[in-house]
PDB file of N, CA and C in Angstrom:
ATOM      1  N   UNK A   1      41.782  15.316 -94.066  1.00  0.00           N
ATOM      2  CA  UNK A   1      41.018  16.087 -95.015  1.00  0.00           C
ATOM      3  C   UNK A   1      40.511  15.177 -96.130  1.00  0.00           C
ATOM      4  N   UNK A   2      39.348  15.423 -96.620  1.00  0.00           N
ATOM      5  CA  UNK A   2      38.861  14.623 -97.750  1.00  0.00           C
ATOM      6  C   UNK A   2      39.649  14.960 -99.010  1.00  0.00           C
ATOM      7  N   UNK A   3      39.790  13.985 -99.905  1.00  0.00           N
ATOM      8  CA  UNK A   3      40.550  14.208-101.137  1.00  0.00           C
ATOM      9  C   UNK A   3      39.925  15.281-102.011  1.00  0.00           C
ATOM     10  N   UNK A   4      38.656  15.551-101.827  1.00  0.00           N
ATOM     11  CA  UNK A   4      37.972  16.535-102.664  1.00  0.00           C
ATOM     12  C   UNK A   4      38.351  17.971-102.312  1.00  0.00           C
ATOM     13  N   UNK A   5      39.083  18.187-101.231  1.00  0.00           N
ATOM     14  CA  UNK A   5      39.430  19.545-100.815  1.00  0.00           C
ATOM     15  C   UNK A   5      40.333  20.236-101.840  1.00  0.00           C
ATOM     16  N   UNK A   6      41.089  19.451-102.617  1.00  0.00           N
ATOM     17  CA  UNK A   6      42.009  20.035-103.583  1.00  0.00           C
ATOM     18  C   UNK A   6      41.453  20.194-104.979  1.00  0.00           C
ATOM     19  N   UNK A   7      40.186  19.878-105.185  1.00  0.00           N
ATOM     20  CA  UNK A   7      39.595  20.016-106.507  1.00  0.00           C
ATOM     21  C   UNK A   7      39.400  21.482-106.845  1.00  0.00           C
ATOM     22  N   UNK A   8      39.810  21.848-108.043  1.00  0.00           N
ATOM     23  CA  UNK A   8      39.735  23.241-108.456  1.00  0.00           C
ATOM     24  C   UNK A   8      38.601  23.406-109.460  1.00  0.00           C
ATOM     25  N   UNK A   9      37.542  24.136-109.100  1.00  0.00           N
ATOM     26  CA  UNK A   9      36.465  24.362-110.060  1.00  0.00           C
ATOM     27  C   UNK A   9      36.842  25.482-111.030  1.00  0.00           C
ATOM     28  N   UNK A  10      36.330  25.404-112.229  1.00  0.00           N
ATOM     29  CA  UNK A  10      36.565  26.485-113.171  1.00  0.00           C
ATOM     30  C   UNK A  10      36.429  26.021-114.602  1.00  0.00           C
ATOM     31  N   UNK A  11      36.426  26.968-115.530  1.00  0.00           N
ATOM     32  CA  UNK A  11      36.321  26.606-116.938  1.00  0.00           C
ATOM     33  C   UNK A  11      37.608  25.911-117.390  1.00  0.00           C
ATOM     34  N   UNK A  12      37.448  24.915-118.244  1.00  0.00           N
ATOM     35  CA  UNK A  12      38.589  24.166-118.785  1.00  0.00           C
ATOM     36  C   UNK A  12      39.395  23.420-117.722  1.00  0.00           C
ATOM     37  N   UNK A  13      38.782  23.105-116.595  1.00  0.00           N
ATOM     38  CA  UNK A  13      39.462  22.360-115.532  1.00  0.00           C
ATOM     39  C   UNK A  13      38.950  20.928-115.527  1.00  0.00           C
ATOM     40  N   UNK A  14      39.876  19.978-115.515  1.00  0.00           N
ATOM     41  CA  UNK A  14      39.530  18.568-115.404  1.00  0.00           C
ATOM     42  C   UNK A  14      40.262  18.016-114.193  1.00  0.00           C
ATOM     43  N   UNK A  15      39.534  17.544-113.226  1.00  0.00           N
ATOM     44  CA  UNK A  15      40.129  16.918-112.054  1.00  0.00           C
ATOM     45  C   UNK A  15      40.207  15.418-112.317  1.00  0.00           C
ATOM     46  N   UNK A  16      41.428  14.884-112.317  1.00  0.00           N
ATOM     47  CA  UNK A  16      41.643  13.471-112.607  1.00  0.00           C
ATOM     48  C   UNK A  16      42.006  12.727-111.333  1.00  0.00           C
ATOM     49  N   UNK A  17      41.523  11.517-111.226  1.00  0.00           N
ATOM     50  CA  UNK A  17      41.863  10.647-110.106  1.00  0.00           C
ATOM     51  C   UNK A  17      42.705   9.502-110.645  1.00  0.00           C
ATOM     52  N   UNK A  18      43.782   9.170-109.994  1.00  0.00           N
ATOM     53  CA  UNK A  18      44.691   8.130-110.470  1.00  0.00           C
ATOM     54  C   UNK A  18      43.986   6.787-110.639  1.00  0.00           C
ATOM     55  N   UNK A  19      43.028   6.494-109.796  1.00  0.00           N
ATOM     56  CA  UNK A  19      42.373   5.198-109.828  1.00  0.00           C
ATOM     57  C   UNK A  19      41.253   5.114-110.855  1.00  0.00           C
ATOM     58  N   UNK A  20      40.844   6.226-111.442  1.00  0.00           N
ATOM     59  CA  UNK A  20      39.807   6.187-112.470  1.00  0.00           C
ATOM     60  C   UNK A  20      40.324   5.416-113.677  1.00  0.00           C
ATOM     61  N   UNK A  21      39.666   4.337-114.015  1.00  0.00           N
ATOM     62  CA  UNK A  21      40.059   3.539-115.158  1.00  0.00           C
ATOM     63  C   UNK A  21      41.191   2.565-114.907  1.00  0.00           C
ATOM     64  N   UNK A  22      41.716   2.532-113.688  1.00  0.00           N
ATOM     65  CA  UNK A  22      42.816   1.618-113.363  1.00  0.00           C
ATOM     66  C   UNK A  22      42.698   1.210-111.895  1.00  0.00           C
ATOM     67  N   UNK A  23      41.944   0.165-111.627  1.00  0.00           N
ATOM     68  CA  UNK A  23      41.705  -0.221-110.235  1.00  0.00           C
ATOM     69  C   UNK A  23      42.921  -0.782-109.504  1.00  0.00           C
ATOM     70  N   UNK A  24      44.045  -1.031-110.216  1.00  0.00           N
ATOM     71  CA  UNK A  24      45.241  -1.571-109.547  1.00  0.00           C
ATOM     72  C   UNK A  24      46.277  -0.484-109.257  1.00  0.00           C
ATOM     73  N   UNK A  25      45.950   0.762-109.530  1.00  0.00           N
ATOM     74  CA  UNK A  25      46.857   1.871-109.234  1.00  0.00           C
ATOM     75  C   UNK A  25      46.460   2.465-107.889  1.00  0.00           C
ATOM     76  N   UNK A  26      47.260   2.201-106.879  1.00  0.00           N
ATOM     77  CA  UNK A  26      46.996   2.697-105.524  1.00  0.00           C
ATOM     78  C   UNK A  26      47.921   3.854-105.177  1.00  0.00           C
ATOM     79  N   UNK A  27      48.323   4.634-106.181  1.00  0.00           N
ATOM     80  CA  UNK A  27      49.238   5.744-105.954  1.00  0.00           C
ATOM     81  C   UNK A  27      48.729   6.654-104.844  1.00  0.00           C
ATOM     82  N   UNK A  28      49.614   6.938-103.916  1.00  0.00           N
ATOM     83  CA  UNK A  28      49.269   7.906-102.877  1.00  0.00           C
ATOM     84  C   UNK A  28      49.893   9.251-103.253  1.00  0.00           C
ATOM     85  N   UNK A  29      49.868  10.175-102.348  1.00  0.00           N
ATOM     86  CA  UNK A  29      50.329  11.532-102.621  1.00  0.00           C
ATOM     87  C   UNK A  29      51.769  11.553-103.139  1.00  0.00           C
ATOM     88  N   UNK A  30      52.656  10.794-102.538  1.00  0.00           N
ATOM     89  CA  UNK A  30      54.060  10.794-102.951  1.00  0.00           C
ATOM     90  C   UNK A  30      54.309   9.979-104.213  1.00  0.00           C
ATOM     91  N   UNK A  31      53.627   8.868-104.375  1.00  0.00           N
ATOM     92  CA  UNK A  31      53.860   7.985-105.522  1.00  0.00           C
ATOM     93  C   UNK A  31      53.442   8.619-106.843  1.00  0.00           C
ATOM     94  N   UNK A  32      52.545   9.574-106.814  1.00  0.00           N
ATOM     95  CA  UNK A  32      52.088  10.207-108.052  1.00  0.00           C
ATOM     96  C   UNK A  32      53.246  10.906-108.764  1.00  0.00           C
ATOM     97  N   UNK A  33      54.213  11.407-108.017  1.00  0.00           N
ATOM     98  CA  UNK A  33      55.347  12.119-108.614  1.00  0.00           C
ATOM     99  C   UNK A  33      56.164  11.227-109.543  1.00  0.00           C
ATOM    100  N   UNK A  34      56.194   9.932-109.310  1.00  0.00           N
ATOM    101  CA  UNK A  34      56.975   9.010-110.133  1.00  0.00           C
ATOM    102  C   UNK A  34      56.088   8.080-110.951  1.00  0.00           C
ATOM    103  N   UNK A  35      54.819   8.387-111.048  1.00  0.00           N
ATOM    104  CA  UNK A  35      53.867   7.510-111.716  1.00  0.00           C
ATOM    105  C   UNK A  35      53.837   7.746-113.218  1.00  0.00           C
ATOM    106  N   UNK A  36      53.969   6.660-114.003  1.00  0.00           N
ATOM    107  CA  UNK A  36      53.816   6.773-115.454  1.00  0.00           C
ATOM    108  C   UNK A  36      52.408   7.233-115.794  1.00  0.00           C
ATOM    109  N   UNK A  37      51.444   6.717-115.066  1.00  0.00           N
ATOM    110  CA  UNK A  37      50.044   7.079-115.306  1.00  0.00           C
ATOM    111  C   UNK A  37      49.827   8.569-115.047  1.00  0.00           C
ATOM    112  N   UNK A  38      50.361   9.066-113.954  1.00  0.00           N
ATOM    113  CA  UNK A  38      50.233  10.483-113.632  1.00  0.00           C
ATOM    114  C   UNK A  38      50.886  11.369-114.684  1.00  0.00           C
ATOM    115  N   UNK A  39      52.053  10.940-115.177  1.00  0.00           N
ATOM    116  CA  UNK A  39      52.753  11.713-116.205  1.00  0.00           C
ATOM    117  C   UNK A  39      51.934  11.778-117.491  1.00  0.00           C
ATOM    118  N   UNK A  40      51.360  10.651-117.904  1.00  0.00           N
ATOM    119  CA  UNK A  40      50.585  10.649-119.146  1.00  0.00           C
ATOM    120  C   UNK A  40      49.295  11.450-119.011  1.00  0.00           C
ATOM    121  N   UNK A  41      48.660  11.389-117.839  1.00  0.00           N
ATOM    122  CA  UNK A  41      47.456  12.196-117.607  1.00  0.00           C
ATOM    123  C   UNK A  41      47.811  13.674-117.697  1.00  0.00           C
ATOM    124  N   UNK A  42      48.925  14.078-117.094  1.00  0.00           N
ATOM    125  CA  UNK A  42      49.347  15.474-117.135  1.00  0.00           C
ATOM    126  C   UNK A  42      49.720  15.898-118.557  1.00  0.00           C
ATOM    127  N   UNK A  43      50.493  15.062-119.276  1.00  0.00           N
ATOM    128  CA  UNK A  43      50.880  15.407-120.646  1.00  0.00           C
ATOM    129  C   UNK A  43      49.665  15.510-121.563  1.00  0.00           C
ATOM    130  N   UNK A  44      48.692  14.624-121.384  1.00  0.00           N
ATOM    131  CA  UNK A  44      47.481  14.692-122.201  1.00  0.00           C
ATOM    132  C   UNK A  44      46.666  15.941-121.897  1.00  0.00           C
ATOM    133  N   UNK A  45      46.690  16.376-120.654  1.00  0.00           N
ATOM    134  CA  UNK A  45      45.970  17.606-120.299  1.00  0.00           C
ATOM    135  C   UNK A  45      46.665  18.831-120.887  1.00  0.00           C
ATOM    136  N   UNK A  46      47.990  18.792-120.953  1.00  0.00           N
ATOM    137  CA  UNK A  46      48.745  19.923-121.491  1.00  0.00           C
ATOM    138  C   UNK A  46      48.740  19.971-123.019  1.00  0.00           C
ATOM    139  N   UNK A  47      48.592  18.810-123.657  1.00  0.00           N
ATOM    140  CA  UNK A  47      48.624  18.747-125.117  1.00  0.00           C
ATOM    141  C   UNK A  47      47.503  17.829-125.625  1.00  0.00           C
ATOM    142  N   UNK A  48      46.253  18.276-125.516  1.00  0.00           N
ATOM    143  CA  UNK A  48      45.130  17.414-125.899  1.00  0.00           C
ATOM    144  C   UNK A  48      45.094  17.085-127.394  1.00  0.00           C
ATOM    145  N   UNK A  49      45.789  17.837-128.216  1.00  0.00           N
ATOM    146  CA  UNK A  49      45.805  17.559-129.653  1.00  0.00           C
ATOM    147  C   UNK A  49      46.637  16.327-129.994  1.00  0.00           C
ATOM    148  N   UNK A  50      47.510  15.912-129.080  1.00  0.00           N
ATOM    149  CA  UNK A  50      48.381  14.754-129.301  1.00  0.00           C
ATOM    150  C   UNK A  50      48.300  13.813-128.106  1.00  0.00           C
ATOM    151  N   UNK A  51      47.155  13.158-127.917  1.00  0.00           N
ATOM    152  CA  UNK A  51      47.004  12.294-126.736  1.00  0.00           C
ATOM    153  C   UNK A  51      47.913  11.069-126.785  1.00  0.00           C
ATOM    154  N   UNK A  52      48.392  10.694-125.625  1.00  0.00           N
ATOM    155  CA  UNK A  52      49.226   9.505-125.473  1.00  0.00           C
ATOM    156  C   UNK A  52      48.430   8.473-124.694  1.00  0.00           C
ATOM    157  N   UNK A  53      48.694   7.182-124.909  1.00  0.00           N
ATOM    158  CA  UNK A  53      47.973   6.171-124.126  1.00  0.00           C
ATOM    159  C   UNK A  53      48.347   6.267-122.648  1.00  0.00           C
ATOM    160  N   UNK A  54      47.335   6.139-121.805  1.00  0.00           N
ATOM    161  CA  UNK A  54      47.567   6.185-120.352  1.00  0.00           C
ATOM    162  C   UNK A  54      47.672   4.748-119.852  1.00  0.00           C
ATOM    163  N   UNK A  55      48.842   4.364-119.325  1.00  0.00           N
ATOM    164  CA  UNK A  55      49.029   2.983-118.892  1.00  0.00           C
ATOM    165  C   UNK A  55      48.255   2.670-117.615  1.00  0.00           C
ATOM    166  N   UNK A  56      47.992   1.401-117.437  1.00  0.00           N
ATOM    167  CA  UNK A  56      47.387   0.928-116.193  1.00  0.00           C
ATOM    168  C   UNK A  56      48.341  -0.120-115.618  1.00  0.00           C
ATOM    169  N   UNK A  57      49.085   0.263-114.608  1.00  0.00           N
ATOM    170  CA  UNK A  57      50.082  -0.604-113.994  1.00  0.00           C
ATOM    171  C   UNK A  57      49.800  -0.725-112.506  1.00  0.00           C
ATOM    172  N   UNK A  58      50.158  -1.859-111.953  1.00  0.00           N
ATOM    173  CA  UNK A  58      50.012  -2.041-110.515  1.00  0.00           C
ATOM    174  C   UNK A  58      50.981  -1.120-109.788  1.00  0.00           C
ATOM    175  N   UNK A  59      50.456  -0.320-108.887  1.00  0.00           N
ATOM    176  CA  UNK A  59      51.267   0.527-108.014  1.00  0.00           C
ATOM    177  C   UNK A  59      50.819   0.221-106.601  1.00  0.00           C
ATOM    178  N   UNK A  60      51.713  -0.358-105.770  1.00  0.00           N
ATOM    179  CA  UNK A  60      51.314  -0.723-104.416  1.00  0.00           C
ATOM    180  C   UNK A  60      51.088   0.514-103.533  1.00  0.00           C
ATOM    181  N   UNK A  61      50.208   0.388-102.563  1.00  0.00           N
ATOM    182  CA  UNK A  61      49.976   1.515-101.651  1.00  0.00           C
ATOM    183  C   UNK A  61      51.194   1.749-100.762  1.00  0.00           C
ATOM    184  N   UNK A  62      51.378   2.971-100.362  1.00  0.00           N
ATOM    185  CA  UNK A  62      52.429   3.425 -99.446  1.00  0.00           C
ATOM    186  C   UNK A  62      53.831   3.370-100.020  1.00  0.00           C
ATOM    187  N   UNK A  63      54.199   2.342-100.736  1.00  0.00           N
ATOM    188  CA  UNK A  63      55.565   2.229-101.244  1.00  0.00           C
ATOM    189  C   UNK A  63      55.730   2.681-102.682  1.00  0.00           C
ATOM    190  N   UNK A  64      54.603   2.793-103.415  1.00  0.00           N
ATOM    191  CA  UNK A  64      54.628   3.238-104.798  1.00  0.00           C
ATOM    192  C   UNK A  64      55.429   2.331-105.644  1.00  0.00           C
TER     193      UNK A  64
END
């Protein structure tokens, strides 16, 4: 399936991609659960009034 199948359209919806702004993050479906980058993107979406810096760290493919 294409990755775009899970995009949710709607008001106030932001679809984020792990690799946007960080070309060395190869997080796959499982690695996102333990990703610092994924956590900061989620926290910033939940609390936009208090944004946190989103790190850019190397995450290898498949092994996370």
